[in-house]
Amino acid sequence: MRTSVNLPKGGMGIDEATVVAWLRSEGDRVEAGEPIVEVETAKATQEVEAPVSGILVLIKAQPGDEVMVNSSLGEIEHDDG
């Protein structure tokens, strides 16, 4: 099963962010709660955490890309159980 890594709502009035850098690469094992990508808003740089443990199988948003809140940055393959 795949779970999307989405850009969380950072605060009031923040609708988009720019991807700064991925801290993990496609094919890497990630743990739930582990920071995996840095994004920058108009107010600050923040880390987005893995929502589940598994393998980062797809990076959709590349460094420099502007993404909207709740947009998918990538996907993690994980077991149902």
PDB file of N, CA and C in Angstrom:
ATOM      1  N   MET A   1       0.847  -1.168   0.000  1.00  0.00           N
ATOM      2  CA  MET A   1       0.000   0.000   0.000  1.00  0.00           C
ATOM      3  C   MET A   1       0.899   1.239   0.000  1.00  0.00           C
ATOM      4  N   ARG A   2       0.455   2.278  -0.670  1.00  0.00           N
ATOM      5  CA  ARG A   2       1.202   3.539  -0.715  1.00  0.00           C
ATOM      6  C   ARG A   2       0.468   4.628   0.051  1.00  0.00           C
ATOM      7  N   THR A   3       1.259   5.444   0.731  1.00  0.00           N
ATOM      8  CA  THR A   3       0.732   6.607   1.435  1.00  0.00           C
ATOM      9  C   THR A   3       1.434   7.839   0.893  1.00  0.00           C
ATOM     10  N   SER A   4       0.673   8.867   0.637  1.00  0.00           N
ATOM     11  CA  SER A   4       1.214  10.116   0.118  1.00  0.00           C
ATOM     12  C   SER A   4       1.848  10.937   1.240  1.00  0.00           C
ATOM     13  N   VAL A   5       2.963  11.583   0.921  1.00  0.00           N
ATOM     14  CA  VAL A   5       3.596  12.549   1.822  1.00  0.00           C
ATOM     15  C   VAL A   5       3.095  13.912   1.360  1.00  0.00           C
ATOM     16  N   ASN A   6       2.208  14.519   2.148  1.00  0.00           N
ATOM     17  CA  ASN A   6       1.588  15.785   1.752  1.00  0.00           C
ATOM     18  C   ASN A   6       2.204  16.970   2.476  1.00  0.00           C
ATOM     19  N   LEU A   7       2.161  18.120   1.821  1.00  0.00           N
ATOM     20  CA  LEU A   7       2.602  19.364   2.454  1.00  0.00           C
ATOM     21  C   LEU A   7       1.557  19.763   3.482  1.00  0.00           C
ATOM     22  N   PRO A   8       1.934  19.783   4.779  1.00  0.00           N
ATOM     23  CA  PRO A   8       0.956  20.158   5.809  1.00  0.00           C
ATOM     24  C   PRO A   8       0.696  21.653   5.823  1.00  0.00           C
ATOM     25  N   LYS A   9      -0.449  22.015   6.368  1.00  0.00           N
ATOM     26  CA  LYS A   9      -0.760  23.442   6.547  1.00  0.00           C
ATOM     27  C   LYS A   9       0.165  23.981   7.627  1.00  0.00           C
ATOM     28  N   GLY A  10       0.963  24.975   7.294  1.00  0.00           N
ATOM     29  CA  GLY A  10       1.973  25.474   8.205  1.00  0.00           C
ATOM     30  C   GLY A  10       1.487  26.528   9.176  1.00  0.00           C
ATOM     31  N   GLY A  11       0.449  27.234   8.830  1.00  0.00           N
ATOM     32  CA  GLY A  11      -0.041  28.292   9.699  1.00  0.00           C
ATOM     33  C   GLY A  11      -1.057  29.140   8.960  1.00  0.00           C
ATOM     34  N   MET A  12      -1.572  30.111   9.643  1.00  0.00           N
ATOM     35  CA  MET A  12      -2.594  30.962   9.050  1.00  0.00           C
ATOM     36  C   MET A  12      -2.033  31.731   7.867  1.00  0.00           C
ATOM     37  N   GLY A  13      -2.732  31.662   6.773  1.00  0.00           N
ATOM     38  CA  GLY A  13      -2.349  32.404   5.585  1.00  0.00           C
ATOM     39  C   GLY A  13      -1.270  31.751   4.738  1.00  0.00           C
ATOM     40  N   ILE A  14      -0.776  30.589   5.136  1.00  0.00           N
ATOM     41  CA  ILE A  14       0.239  29.890   4.351  1.00  0.00           C
ATOM     42  C   ILE A  14      -0.474  28.910   3.427  1.00  0.00           C
ATOM     43  N   ASP A  15      -0.391  29.171   2.124  1.00  0.00           N
ATOM     44  CA  ASP A  15      -1.072  28.329   1.146  1.00  0.00           C
ATOM     45  C   ASP A  15      -0.111  27.513   0.291  1.00  0.00           C
ATOM     46  N   GLU A  16       1.179  27.896   0.300  1.00  0.00           N
ATOM     47  CA  GLU A  16       2.152  27.202  -0.529  1.00  0.00           C
ATOM     48  C   GLU A  16       3.533  27.261   0.101  1.00  0.00           C
ATOM     49  N   ALA A  17       4.413  26.419  -0.416  1.00  0.00           N
ATOM     50  CA  ALA A  17       5.796  26.382   0.052  1.00  0.00           C
ATOM     51  C   ALA A  17       6.674  25.945  -1.111  1.00  0.00           C
ATOM     52  N   THR A  18       7.972  26.170  -0.956  1.00  0.00           N
ATOM     53  CA  THR A  18       8.951  25.744  -1.950  1.00  0.00           C
ATOM     54  C   THR A  18       9.764  24.605  -1.365  1.00  0.00           C
ATOM     55  N   VAL A  19       9.920  23.525  -2.145  1.00  0.00           N
ATOM     56  CA  VAL A  19      10.751  22.403  -1.708  1.00  0.00           C
ATOM     57  C   VAL A  19      12.198  22.876  -1.706  1.00  0.00           C
ATOM     58  N   VAL A  20      12.879  22.726  -0.569  1.00  0.00           N
ATOM     59  CA  VAL A  20      14.283  23.120  -0.444  1.00  0.00           C
ATOM     60  C   VAL A  20      15.186  21.933  -0.741  1.00  0.00           C
ATOM     61  N   ALA A  21      14.960  20.819  -0.029  1.00  0.00           N
ATOM     62  CA  ALA A  21      15.821  19.649  -0.204  1.00  0.00           C
ATOM     63  C   ALA A  21      15.150  18.405   0.360  1.00  0.00           C
ATOM     64  N   TRP A  22      15.383  17.285  -0.284  1.00  0.00           N
ATOM     65  CA  TRP A  22      14.978  15.993   0.254  1.00  0.00           C
ATOM     66  C   TRP A  22      16.090  15.488   1.148  1.00  0.00           C
ATOM     67  N   LEU A  23      15.729  15.008   2.330  1.00  0.00           N
ATOM     68  CA  LEU A  23      16.692  14.473   3.284  1.00  0.00           C
ATOM     69  C   LEU A  23      16.871  12.972   3.077  1.00  0.00           C
ATOM     70  N   ARG A  24      15.997  12.376   2.292  1.00  0.00           N
ATOM     71  CA  ARG A  24      16.056  10.959   1.916  1.00  0.00           C
ATOM     72  C   ARG A  24      15.903  10.858   0.407  1.00  0.00           C
ATOM     73  N   SER A  25      16.355   9.738  -0.144  1.00  0.00           N
ATOM     74  CA  SER A  25      16.274   9.492  -1.585  1.00  0.00           C
ATOM     75  C   SER A  25      15.274   8.395  -1.876  1.00  0.00           C
ATOM     76  N   GLU A  26      14.822   8.325  -3.138  1.00  0.00           N
ATOM     77  CA  GLU A  26      13.963   7.226  -3.538  1.00  0.00           C
ATOM     78  C   GLU A  26      14.680   5.910  -3.244  1.00  0.00           C
ATOM     79  N   GLY A  27      13.954   4.966  -2.683  1.00  0.00           N
ATOM     80  CA  GLY A  27      14.521   3.670  -2.335  1.00  0.00           C
ATOM     81  C   GLY A  27      14.981   3.573  -0.891  1.00  0.00           C
ATOM     82  N   ASP A  28      15.060   4.717  -0.190  1.00  0.00           N
ATOM     83  CA  ASP A  28      15.489   4.717   1.215  1.00  0.00           C
ATOM     84  C   ASP A  28      14.352   4.281   2.127  1.00  0.00           C
ATOM     85  N   ARG A  29      14.714   3.565   3.184  1.00  0.00           N
ATOM     86  CA  ARG A  29      13.761   3.221   4.250  1.00  0.00           C
ATOM     87  C   ARG A  29      13.587   4.453   5.135  1.00  0.00           C
ATOM     88  N   VAL A  30      12.343   4.762   5.476  1.00  0.00           N
ATOM     89  CA  VAL A  30      12.038   5.888   6.363  1.00  0.00           C
ATOM     90  C   VAL A  30      11.157   5.388   7.501  1.00  0.00           C
ATOM     91  N   GLU A  31      11.237   6.069   8.625  1.00  0.00           N
ATOM     92  CA  GLU A  31      10.426   5.731   9.788  1.00  0.00           C
ATOM     93  C   GLU A  31       9.394   6.832  10.026  1.00  0.00           C
ATOM     94  N   ALA A  32       8.214   6.444  10.469  1.00  0.00           N
ATOM     95  CA  ALA A  32       7.152   7.410  10.764  1.00  0.00           C
ATOM     96  C   ALA A  32       7.676   8.469  11.739  1.00  0.00           C
ATOM     97  N   GLY A  33       7.445   9.726  11.424  1.00  0.00           N
ATOM     98  CA  GLY A  33       7.880  10.830  12.272  1.00  0.00           C
ATOM     99  C   GLY A  33       9.266  11.354  11.948  1.00  0.00           C
ATOM    100  N   GLU A  34       9.980  10.667  11.071  1.00  0.00           N
ATOM    101  CA  GLU A  34      11.329  11.080  10.677  1.00  0.00           C
ATOM    102  C   GLU A  34      11.244  12.204   9.638  1.00  0.00           C
ATOM    103  N   PRO A  35      12.003  13.293   9.815  1.00  0.00           N
ATOM    104  CA  PRO A  35      12.017  14.346   8.791  1.00  0.00           C
ATOM    105  C   PRO A  35      12.584  13.796   7.479  1.00  0.00           C
ATOM    106  N   ILE A  36      11.863  14.035   6.373  1.00  0.00           N
ATOM    107  CA  ILE A  36      12.345  13.510   5.090  1.00  0.00           C
ATOM    108  C   ILE A  36      12.491  14.571   4.001  1.00  0.00           C
ATOM    109  N   VAL A  37      11.872  15.747   4.194  1.00  0.00           N
ATOM    110  CA  VAL A  37      11.985  16.805   3.191  1.00  0.00           C
ATOM    111  C   VAL A  37      11.868  18.167   3.885  1.00  0.00           C
ATOM    112  N   GLU A  38      12.656  19.124   3.400  1.00  0.00           N
ATOM    113  CA  GLU A  38      12.590  20.499   3.910  1.00  0.00           C
ATOM    114  C   GLU A  38      11.851  21.373   2.916  1.00  0.00           C
ATOM    115  N   VAL A  39      10.961  22.213   3.445  1.00  0.00           N
ATOM    116  CA  VAL A  39      10.235  23.170   2.613  1.00  0.00           C
ATOM    117  C   VAL A  39      10.361  24.553   3.231  1.00  0.00           C
ATOM    118  N   GLU A  40      10.224  25.557   2.391  1.00  0.00           N
ATOM    119  CA  GLU A  40      10.326  26.940   2.854  1.00  0.00           C
ATOM    120  C   GLU A  40       9.050  27.692   2.511  1.00  0.00           C
ATOM    121  N   THR A  41       8.486  28.351   3.529  1.00  0.00           N
ATOM    122  CA  THR A  41       7.318  29.200   3.321  1.00  0.00           C
ATOM    123  C   THR A  41       7.795  30.644   3.373  1.00  0.00           C
ATOM    124  N   ALA A  42       6.858  31.563   3.266  1.00  0.00           N
ATOM    125  CA  ALA A  42       7.203  32.981   3.356  1.00  0.00           C
ATOM    126  C   ALA A  42       7.753  33.325   4.736  1.00  0.00           C
ATOM    127  N   LYS A  43       7.436  32.496   5.739  1.00  0.00           N
ATOM    128  CA  LYS A  43       7.817  32.813   7.108  1.00  0.00           C
ATOM    129  C   LYS A  43       8.961  31.986   7.663  1.00  0.00           C
ATOM    130  N   ALA A  44       9.153  30.748   7.187  1.00  0.00           N
ATOM    131  CA  ALA A  44      10.166  29.881   7.803  1.00  0.00           C
ATOM    132  C   ALA A  44      10.459  28.654   6.954  1.00  0.00           C
ATOM    133  N   THR A  45      11.554  27.995   7.283  1.00  0.00           N
ATOM    134  CA  THR A  45      11.866  26.697   6.706  1.00  0.00           C
ATOM    135  C   THR A  45      11.427  25.643   7.708  1.00  0.00           C
ATOM    136  N   GLN A  46      10.771  24.597   7.231  1.00  0.00           N
ATOM    137  CA  GLN A  46      10.306  23.537   8.122  1.00  0.00           C
ATOM    138  C   GLN A  46      10.570  22.183   7.493  1.00  0.00           C
ATOM    139  N   GLU A  47      10.605  21.167   8.333  1.00  0.00           N
ATOM    140  CA  GLU A  47      10.785  19.800   7.872  1.00  0.00           C
ATOM    141  C   GLU A  47       9.433  19.105   7.841  1.00  0.00           C
ATOM    142  N   VAL A  48       9.216  18.316   6.795  1.00  0.00           N
ATOM    143  CA  VAL A  48       8.016  17.499   6.686  1.00  0.00           C
ATOM    144  C   VAL A  48       8.406  16.079   7.077  1.00  0.00           C
ATOM    145  N   GLU A  49       7.631  15.480   7.969  1.00  0.00           N
ATOM    146  CA  GLU A  49       7.936  14.147   8.479  1.00  0.00           C
ATOM    147  C   GLU A  49       7.213  13.071   7.683  1.00  0.00           C
ATOM    148  N   ALA A  50       7.803  11.873   7.689  1.00  0.00           N
ATOM    149  CA  ALA A  50       7.169  10.712   7.072  1.00  0.00           C
ATOM    150  C   ALA A  50       5.903  10.367   7.859  1.00  0.00           C
ATOM    151  N   PRO A  51       4.758  10.206   7.183  1.00  0.00           N
ATOM    152  CA  PRO A  51       3.526   9.873   7.892  1.00  0.00           C
ATOM    153  C   PRO A  51       3.465   8.399   8.322  1.00  0.00           C
ATOM    154  N   VAL A  52       4.249   7.549   7.655  1.00  0.00           N
ATOM    155  CA  VAL A  52       4.285   6.107   7.946  1.00  0.00           C
ATOM    156  C   VAL A  52       5.708   5.605   7.766  1.00  0.00           C
ATOM    157  N   SER A  53       5.994   4.417   8.290  1.00  0.00           N
ATOM    158  CA  SER A  53       7.281   3.756   8.053  1.00  0.00           C
ATOM    159  C   SER A  53       7.186   2.943   6.771  1.00  0.00           C
ATOM    160  N   GLY A  54       8.262   2.928   5.998  1.00  0.00           N
ATOM    161  CA  GLY A  54       8.277   2.164   4.755  1.00  0.00           C
ATOM    162  C   GLY A  54       9.408   2.621   3.864  1.00  0.00           C
ATOM    163  N   ILE A  55       9.229   2.427   2.561  1.00  0.00           N
ATOM    164  CA  ILE A  55      10.241   2.798   1.565  1.00  0.00           C
ATOM    165  C   ILE A  55       9.737   4.000   0.779  1.00  0.00           C
ATOM    166  N   LEU A  56      10.563   5.042   0.705  1.00  0.00           N
ATOM    167  CA  LEU A  56      10.235   6.210  -0.124  1.00  0.00           C
ATOM    168  C   LEU A  56      10.389   5.781  -1.584  1.00  0.00           C
ATOM    169  N   VAL A  57       9.270   5.578  -2.265  1.00  0.00           N
ATOM    170  CA  VAL A  57       9.312   5.021  -3.613  1.00  0.00           C
ATOM    171  C   VAL A  57       9.155   6.061  -4.715  1.00  0.00           C
ATOM    172  N   LEU A  58       8.659   7.244  -4.377  1.00  0.00           N
ATOM    173  CA  LEU A  58       8.433   8.249  -5.409  1.00  0.00           C
ATOM    174  C   LEU A  58       8.576   9.650  -4.841  1.00  0.00           C
ATOM    175  N   ILE A  59       9.432  10.440  -5.467  1.00  0.00           N
ATOM    176  CA  ILE A  59       9.563  11.864  -5.145  1.00  0.00           C
ATOM    177  C   ILE A  59       8.899  12.630  -6.278  1.00  0.00           C
ATOM    178  N   LYS A  60       7.808  13.322  -5.967  1.00  0.00           N
ATOM    179  CA  LYS A  60       7.047  14.060  -6.981  1.00  0.00           C
ATOM    180  C   LYS A  60       7.516  15.500  -7.125  1.00  0.00           C
ATOM    181  N   ALA A  61       7.805  16.148  -5.996  1.00  0.00           N
ATOM    182  CA  ALA A  61       8.178  17.566  -5.994  1.00  0.00           C
ATOM    183  C   ALA A  61       9.687  17.688  -5.815  1.00  0.00           C
ATOM    184  N   GLN A  62      10.325  18.325  -6.750  1.00  0.00           N
ATOM    185  CA  GLN A  62      11.779  18.482  -6.735  1.00  0.00           C
ATOM    186  C   GLN A  62      12.179  19.803  -6.074  1.00  0.00           C
ATOM    187  N   PRO A  63      13.434  19.895  -5.588  1.00  0.00           N
ATOM    188  CA  PRO A  63      13.897  21.165  -5.025  1.00  0.00           C
ATOM    189  C   PRO A  63      13.657  22.322  -6.000  1.00  0.00           C
ATOM    190  N   GLY A  64      13.101  23.402  -5.467  1.00  0.00           N
ATOM    191  CA  GLY A  64      12.765  24.569  -6.276  1.00  0.00           C
ATOM    192  C   GLY A  64      11.302  24.605  -6.696  1.00  0.00           C
ATOM    193  N   ASP A  65      10.615  23.453  -6.619  1.00  0.00           N
ATOM    194  CA  ASP A  65       9.195  23.402  -6.979  1.00  0.00           C
ATOM    195  C   ASP A  65       8.351  24.092  -5.911  1.00  0.00           C
ATOM    196  N   GLU A  66       7.375  24.877  -6.347  1.00  0.00           N
ATOM    197  CA  GLU A  66       6.391  25.453  -5.427  1.00  0.00           C
ATOM    198  C   GLU A  66       5.207  24.504  -5.366  1.00  0.00           C
ATOM    199  N   VAL A  67       4.772  24.186  -4.152  1.00  0.00           N
ATOM    200  CA  VAL A  67       3.666  23.255  -3.964  1.00  0.00           C
ATOM    201  C   VAL A  67       2.614  23.868  -3.052  1.00  0.00           C
ATOM    202  N   MET A  68       1.383  23.499  -3.290  1.00  0.00           N
ATOM    203  CA  MET A  68       0.271  24.002  -2.490  1.00  0.00           C
ATOM    204  C   MET A  68       0.082  23.117  -1.255  1.00  0.00           C
ATOM    205  N   VAL A  69      -0.481  23.683  -0.194  1.00  0.00           N
ATOM    206  CA  VAL A  69      -0.810  22.936   1.012  1.00  0.00           C
ATOM    207  C   VAL A  69      -1.678  21.736   0.627  1.00  0.00           C
ATOM    208  N   ASN A  70      -1.408  20.603   1.242  1.00  0.00           N
ATOM    209  CA  ASN A  70      -2.086  19.323   1.008  1.00  0.00           C
ATOM    210  C   ASN A  70      -1.697  18.654  -0.305  1.00  0.00           C
ATOM    211  N   SER A  71      -0.791  19.255  -1.085  1.00  0.00           N
ATOM    212  CA  SER A  71      -0.302  18.603  -2.298  1.00  0.00           C
ATOM    213  C   SER A  71       0.647  17.474  -1.929  1.00  0.00           C
ATOM    214  N   SER A  72       0.692  16.461  -2.787  1.00  0.00           N
ATOM    215  CA  SER A  72       1.576  15.321  -2.562  1.00  0.00           C
ATOM    216  C   SER A  72       3.007  15.664  -2.977  1.00  0.00           C
ATOM    217  N   LEU A  73       3.935  15.458  -2.043  1.00  0.00           N
ATOM    218  CA  LEU A  73       5.353  15.671  -2.316  1.00  0.00           C
ATOM    219  C   LEU A  73       6.010  14.381  -2.792  1.00  0.00           C
ATOM    220  N   GLY A  74       5.495  13.257  -2.326  1.00  0.00           N
ATOM    221  CA  GLY A  74       6.055  11.958  -2.670  1.00  0.00           C
ATOM    222  C   GLY A  74       5.170  10.849  -2.130  1.00  0.00           C
ATOM    223  N   GLU A  75       5.658   9.585  -2.275  1.00  0.00           N
ATOM    224  CA  GLU A  75       4.886   8.440  -1.802  1.00  0.00           C
ATOM    225  C   GLU A  75       5.783   7.444  -1.091  1.00  0.00           C
ATOM    226  N   ILE A  76       5.226   6.826  -0.044  1.00  0.00           N
ATOM    227  CA  ILE A  76       5.910   5.807   0.738  1.00  0.00           C
ATOM    228  C   ILE A  76       5.153   4.501   0.592  1.00  0.00           C
ATOM    229  N   GLU A  77       5.865   3.432   0.237  1.00  0.00           N
ATOM    230  CA  GLU A  77       5.290   2.089   0.158  1.00  0.00           C
ATOM    231  C   GLU A  77       5.435   1.458   1.539  1.00  0.00           C
ATOM    232  N   HIS A  78       4.337   0.879   2.037  1.00  0.00           N
ATOM    233  CA  HIS A  78       4.372   0.282   3.374  1.00  0.00           C
ATOM    234  C   HIS A  78       3.414  -0.885   3.458  1.00  0.00           C
ATOM    235  N   ASP A  79       3.568  -1.702   4.482  1.00  0.00           N
ATOM    236  CA  ASP A  79       2.662  -2.825   4.724  1.00  0.00           C
ATOM    237  C   ASP A  79       1.400  -2.321   5.377  1.00  0.00           C
ATOM    238  N   ASP A  80       0.290  -3.016   5.133  1.00  0.00           N
ATOM    239  CA  ASP A  80      -0.991  -2.650   5.756  1.00  0.00           C
ATOM    240  C   ASP A  80      -0.954  -2.792   7.258  1.00  0.00           C
ATOM    241  N   GLY A  81      -0.267  -3.872   7.739  1.00  0.00           N
ATOM    242  CA  GLY A  81      -0.302  -4.201   9.158  1.00  0.00           C
ATOM    243  C   GLY A  81       0.551  -3.340   9.961  1.00  0.00           C
TER     244      GLY A  81
END
